[in-house]
C-alpha cells in the first residue's frame, strides 16, 4: 500500500498511522475479544485535521461490506443496533423536540432496519428511514428535503465522506438541522503510539474516525454551522429554525 495518501476531509497529504487486526471490535470496550483473524487493516492519519481512516476498506463495494462486516455475525459486535439503540434514540428525540416535531419532516439517514423511524411514526412524527446499504433502489433525488435529519452511528461507517456530506446537503431543508452521533478522536489518538482506541474497530465497520477539527472543516466546506453537545453528539445546520432554537443554544 502507498504510504502517501490524500485526506478525504481536507485533501492534505497523510500517511499510514498503524495497523490492527480485522477482528478488532467495539466489544473490546466491554472486555470481550474476538479471535485474531490474521487480516491486517491499516489506518492512515491526516496531520492537518487529524482525520483517521482505513484506506483499503474505502475501496470495498457494498457487496463486500455485506459479506465481510454487515453479515450474520454483526450482532455479536454491535448487540445494540437492532432494537436498543433505535428505541433509546427515539426516546431522546421525543424528549428533545416534543410536539414541535409533528410539524416537520424527519429523515433517519443510515437508518438500517428502520426501527427508529417506525417508532417515531407511531408517535405521530412525519418520519422515514433511508439507508444507502438497504435502500439501494431508492433515488435519493426523489426523497425531498427534511427539516430534521438524524444520523446516529453513521459517520464512522462511511467509506466516502464527501459523498455523505453531499447527500446531507441535498436532503436538508434550508432551515433544517442534522443531528448526528460519532465519537470524536480528540485525546484518543496519539502520533507515535499504537492505535488502541476501542472505537477504531474494523469488524464494526468503523473506518472513518473524526476529530473535532475535521468535523469543523467538513461543516465549513459544505456551508454548515457546526456544534457539539458532547464527545459523541453533534449537529450541522444552516439557518437556525425557531423550533430548534433551544437545541442550538444548548450546544
Protein backbone atom coordinates (compact mmCIF):
# COMPACT_ATOMS: atom_id res chain seq x y z
CA UNK A 1 0.00 0.00 0.00
CA UNK A 2 1.21 3.50 -0.88
CA UNK A 3 2.29 5.27 2.31
CA UNK A 4 1.30 8.68 0.87
CA UNK A 5 -2.45 9.23 0.79
CA UNK A 6 -4.87 12.13 0.47
CA UNK A 7 -7.13 13.08 3.36
CA UNK A 8 -10.82 12.71 2.38
CA UNK A 9 -11.71 15.69 4.58
CA UNK A 10 -9.15 18.44 3.94
CA UNK A 11 -7.23 16.97 0.95
CA UNK A 12 -3.87 17.21 2.74
CA UNK A 13 -1.25 14.51 2.39
CA UNK A 14 -1.44 11.87 5.08
CA UNK A 15 0.46 8.68 5.80
CA UNK A 16 -0.20 5.30 7.37
CA UNK A 17 -0.70 5.56 11.11
CA UNK A 18 -0.95 1.99 12.41
CA UNK A 19 -2.32 -1.47 11.66
CA UNK A 20 -4.86 -3.53 13.60
CA UNK A 21 -6.38 -6.95 13.14
CA UNK A 22 -9.63 -7.05 11.18
CA UNK A 23 -11.43 -8.64 14.14
CA UNK A 24 -10.75 -5.68 16.43
CA UNK A 25 -14.26 -4.79 17.61
CA UNK A 26 -16.03 -2.31 19.84
CA UNK A 27 -16.90 -5.10 22.25
CA UNK A 28 -13.30 -4.86 23.46
CA UNK A 29 -14.52 -1.86 25.49
CA UNK A 30 -16.56 -4.42 27.48
CA UNK A 31 -13.65 -6.81 27.82
CA UNK A 32 -14.81 -9.15 25.06
CA UNK A 33 -12.33 -10.07 22.33
CA UNK A 34 -12.73 -11.96 19.07
CA UNK A 35 -10.06 -14.41 17.92
CA UNK A 36 -7.44 -12.81 15.68
CA UNK A 37 -8.34 -13.06 12.01
CA UNK A 38 -4.80 -12.66 10.72
CA UNK A 39 -6.01 -9.98 8.29
CA UNK A 40 -4.31 -6.60 8.74
CA UNK A 41 -6.27 -3.36 8.42
CA UNK A 42 -4.19 -0.22 8.03
CA UNK A 43 -5.37 3.20 9.21
CA UNK A 44 -3.99 6.48 7.86
CA UNK A 45 -3.98 9.79 9.74
CA UNK A 46 -4.02 13.36 8.49
CA UNK A 47 -1.50 15.68 10.23
CA UNK A 48 -3.54 18.74 9.22
CA UNK A 49 -7.03 17.89 10.51
CA UNK A 50 -6.45 14.66 12.49
CA UNK A 51 -8.94 12.65 10.45
CA UNK A 52 -8.11 8.93 10.55
CA UNK A 53 -9.40 6.28 8.16
CA UNK A 54 -8.84 2.82 6.67
CA UNK A 55 -7.91 3.49 3.02
CA UNK A 56 -8.08 -0.11 1.80
CA UNK A 57 -11.62 -0.58 3.09
CA UNK A 58 -12.59 2.67 1.36
CA UNK A 59 -12.18 0.72 -1.89
CA UNK A 60 -14.68 -2.01 -0.99
CA UNK A 61 -18.06 -2.17 -2.74
CA UNK A 62 -21.36 -2.65 -0.89
CA UNK A 63 -21.38 -6.38 -1.54
CA UNK A 64 -18.02 -6.86 0.15
CA UNK A 65 -19.09 -4.80 3.16
CA UNK A 66 -22.13 -7.05 3.48
CA UNK A 67 -20.06 -10.18 3.14
CA UNK A 68 -17.21 -9.22 5.45
CA UNK A 69 -18.79 -6.87 8.02
CA UNK A 70 -22.59 -6.47 7.92
CA UNK A 71 -23.27 -10.18 7.92
CA UNK A 72 -24.98 -12.60 10.32
CA UNK A 73 -22.15 -12.18 12.79
CA UNK A 74 -22.54 -8.42 13.07
CA UNK A 75 -24.93 -8.53 16.03
CA UNK A 76 -22.18 -10.11 18.11
CA UNK A 77 -20.00 -6.98 17.81
CA UNK A 78 -22.87 -4.46 17.97
CA UNK A 79 -25.67 -6.04 20.01
CA UNK A 80 -27.50 -2.73 20.49
CA UNK A 81 -28.08 -1.84 16.85
CA UNK A 82 -31.21 -3.91 16.19
CA UNK A 83 -33.53 -2.66 18.95
CA UNK A 84 -31.86 -0.99 21.93
CA UNK A 85 -30.19 1.90 20.11
CA UNK A 86 -33.19 2.78 17.88
CA UNK A 87 -35.52 2.68 20.87
CA UNK A 88 -33.26 4.86 23.02
CA UNK A 89 -32.68 7.32 20.18
CA UNK A 90 -36.42 7.61 19.59
CA UNK A 91 -36.99 8.39 23.26
CA UNK A 92 -34.28 11.05 23.13
CA UNK A 93 -35.75 12.72 20.05
CA UNK A 94 -39.27 12.80 21.51
CA UNK A 95 -37.97 14.27 24.75
CA UNK A 96 -35.86 16.84 22.89
CA UNK A 97 -38.34 18.12 20.31
CA UNK A 98 -41.72 17.25 21.77
CA UNK A 99 -44.80 18.38 19.86
CA UNK A 100 -42.76 20.70 17.62
CA UNK A 101 -41.55 17.68 15.67
CA UNK A 102 -45.08 16.93 14.47
CA UNK A 103 -44.88 19.90 12.08
CA UNK A 104 -41.62 18.92 10.35
CA UNK A 105 -40.30 16.22 8.05
CA UNK A 106 -37.73 13.90 9.62
CA UNK A 107 -35.28 11.56 7.88
CA UNK A 108 -33.24 8.96 9.73
CA UNK A 109 -30.21 8.72 7.45
CA UNK A 110 -28.43 5.37 7.69
CA UNK A 111 -31.48 4.04 9.50
CA UNK A 112 -30.73 0.36 8.88
CA UNK A 113 -33.81 -1.69 9.69
CA UNK A 114 -35.96 1.44 10.02
CA UNK A 115 -36.97 0.82 13.64
CA UNK A 116 -36.25 4.39 14.74
CA UNK A 117 -38.46 5.92 12.05
CA UNK A 118 -41.21 3.38 12.71
CA UNK A 119 -41.17 4.16 16.42
CA UNK A 120 -41.47 7.88 15.71
CA UNK A 121 -44.27 7.33 13.19
CA UNK A 122 -46.23 5.59 15.93
CA UNK A 123 -45.87 8.80 17.97
CA UNK A 124 -47.23 11.00 15.19
CA UNK A 125 -43.97 12.06 13.54
CA UNK A 126 -43.65 12.54 9.78
CA UNK A 127 -40.60 10.31 9.76
CA UNK A 128 -38.94 7.97 7.29
CA UNK A 129 -35.75 5.97 7.08
CA UNK A 130 -33.14 5.90 4.33
CA UNK A 131 -30.03 3.71 4.34
CA UNK A 132 -27.66 3.56 1.34
CA UNK A 133 -26.90 -0.09 2.12
CA UNK A 134 -30.52 -1.15 2.48
CA UNK A 135 -32.43 1.15 0.11
CA UNK A 136 -30.33 0.68 -2.99
CA UNK A 137 -33.25 1.09 -5.38
CA UNK A 138 -34.33 4.41 -3.81
CA UNK A 139 -33.41 7.51 -5.80
CA UNK A 140 -32.11 9.95 -3.23
CA UNK A 141 -33.03 12.80 -5.56
CA UNK A 142 -36.70 11.88 -5.10
CA UNK A 143 -36.74 11.90 -1.31
CA UNK A 144 -37.29 15.63 -1.00
CA UNK A 145 -35.90 17.81 1.78
CA UNK A 146 -36.17 17.46 5.52
CA UNK A 147 -36.16 19.89 8.41
CA UNK A 148 -34.54 17.30 10.68
CA UNK A 149 -32.04 14.65 9.59
CA UNK A 150 -30.64 12.25 12.15
CA UNK A 151 -27.58 10.08 11.52
CA UNK A 152 -26.89 8.03 14.63
CA UNK A 153 -23.67 5.98 14.49
CA UNK A 154 -23.37 6.51 10.74
CA UNK A 155 -20.42 8.81 10.06
CA UNK A 156 -17.79 6.34 11.27
CA UNK A 157 -19.07 3.66 8.87
CA UNK A 158 -18.91 5.77 5.71
CA UNK A 159 -16.25 4.94 3.07
CA UNK A 160 -16.88 8.13 1.09
CA UNK A 161 -17.07 11.19 3.33
CA UNK A 162 -17.59 13.77 0.53
CA UNK A 163 -20.49 11.69 -0.84
CA UNK A 164 -22.09 11.57 2.62
CA UNK A 165 -21.80 15.33 3.03
CA UNK A 166 -23.15 15.99 -0.46
CA UNK A 167 -26.15 13.75 0.30
CA UNK A 168 -26.89 15.56 3.57
CA UNK A 169 -26.60 18.91 1.80
CA UNK A 170 -29.06 17.72 -0.85
CA UNK A 171 -31.57 16.36 1.65
CA UNK A 172 -31.51 19.12 4.25
CA UNK A 173 -34.05 21.93 4.08
CA UNK A 174 -32.59 25.48 4.22
CA UNK A 175 -33.84 25.88 7.79
CA UNK A 176 -33.04 22.31 8.81
CA UNK A 177 -30.56 20.64 11.13
CA UNK A 178 -28.52 17.43 11.00
CA UNK A 179 -28.23 15.76 14.39
CA UNK A 180 -25.60 13.03 14.35
CA UNK A 181 -23.59 10.86 16.67
CA UNK A 182 -20.00 9.71 16.31
CA UNK A 183 -17.24 9.73 18.91
CA UNK A 184 -14.55 12.30 18.21
CA UNK A 185 -10.99 11.08 18.41
CA UNK A 186 -9.54 14.05 20.33
CA UNK A 187 -7.30 12.69 23.07
CA UNK A 188 -7.69 9.10 21.87
CA UNK A 189 -5.18 9.07 19.01
CA UNK A 190 -1.58 9.97 19.69
CA UNK A 191 1.05 10.10 16.97
CA UNK A 192 3.84 7.65 17.65
CA UNK A 193 1.58 5.42 19.75
CA UNK A 194 -0.38 2.33 18.81
CA UNK A 195 -4.00 2.55 17.68
CA UNK A 196 -5.61 1.01 20.76
CA UNK A 197 -8.77 3.16 20.91
CA UNK A 198 -11.72 0.79 21.17
CA UNK A 199 -13.77 2.84 18.69
CA UNK A 200 -11.23 2.15 15.92
CA UNK A 201 -12.75 -1.23 15.13
CA UNK A 202 -12.85 -2.54 11.56
CA UNK A 203 -15.06 -5.52 12.48
CA UNK A 204 -17.75 -3.00 13.39
CA UNK A 205 -17.16 -1.09 10.14
CA UNK A 206 -15.61 1.87 11.96
CA UNK A 207 -13.39 3.01 9.13
CA UNK A 208 -13.70 6.82 9.46
CA UNK A 209 -12.61 8.45 12.72
CA UNK A 210 -13.25 12.18 13.13
CA UNK A 211 -11.55 14.81 15.21
CA UNK A 212 -13.45 17.95 16.20
CA UNK A 213 -11.28 19.86 13.73
CA UNK A 214 -12.16 17.56 10.86
CA UNK A 215 -15.88 17.98 11.56
CA UNK A 216 -15.43 21.76 11.66
CA UNK A 217 -13.71 21.61 8.27
CA UNK A 218 -16.49 19.48 6.80
CA UNK A 219 -19.10 21.92 8.07
CA UNK A 220 -17.30 24.92 6.56
CA UNK A 221 -16.71 23.12 3.26
CA UNK A 222 -20.40 22.32 2.81
CA UNK A 223 -21.82 25.56 4.15
CA UNK A 224 -22.96 24.35 7.57
CA UNK A 225 -22.57 25.63 11.07
CA UNK A 226 -21.15 23.06 13.48
CA UNK A 227 -21.66 22.48 17.19
CA UNK A 228 -21.15 19.64 19.66
CA UNK A 229 -23.20 18.72 22.69
CA UNK A 230 -20.65 16.15 23.85
CA UNK A 231 -17.81 13.99 22.51
CA UNK A 232 -20.41 11.83 20.81
CA UNK A 233 -23.32 14.07 19.73
CA UNK A 234 -23.09 16.90 17.20
CA UNK A 235 -25.06 18.95 14.71
CA UNK A 236 -24.74 20.65 11.37
CA UNK A 237 -27.19 23.36 10.39
CA UNK A 238 -27.76 26.27 8.06
CA UNK A 239 -30.31 28.82 9.13
CA UNK A 240 -31.42 28.06 12.66
CA UNK A 241 -35.16 27.23 12.74
CA UNK A 242 -37.34 28.52 15.56
CA UNK A 243 -38.41 25.01 16.55
CA UNK A 244 -34.76 24.03 17.18
CA UNK A 245 -33.54 27.27 18.72
CA UNK A 246 -33.39 25.75 22.20
CA UNK A 247 -31.25 22.91 20.91
CA UNK A 248 -28.75 25.21 19.24
CA UNK A 249 -28.48 27.34 22.37
CA UNK A 250 -27.66 24.23 24.41
CA UNK A 251 -24.78 23.21 22.14
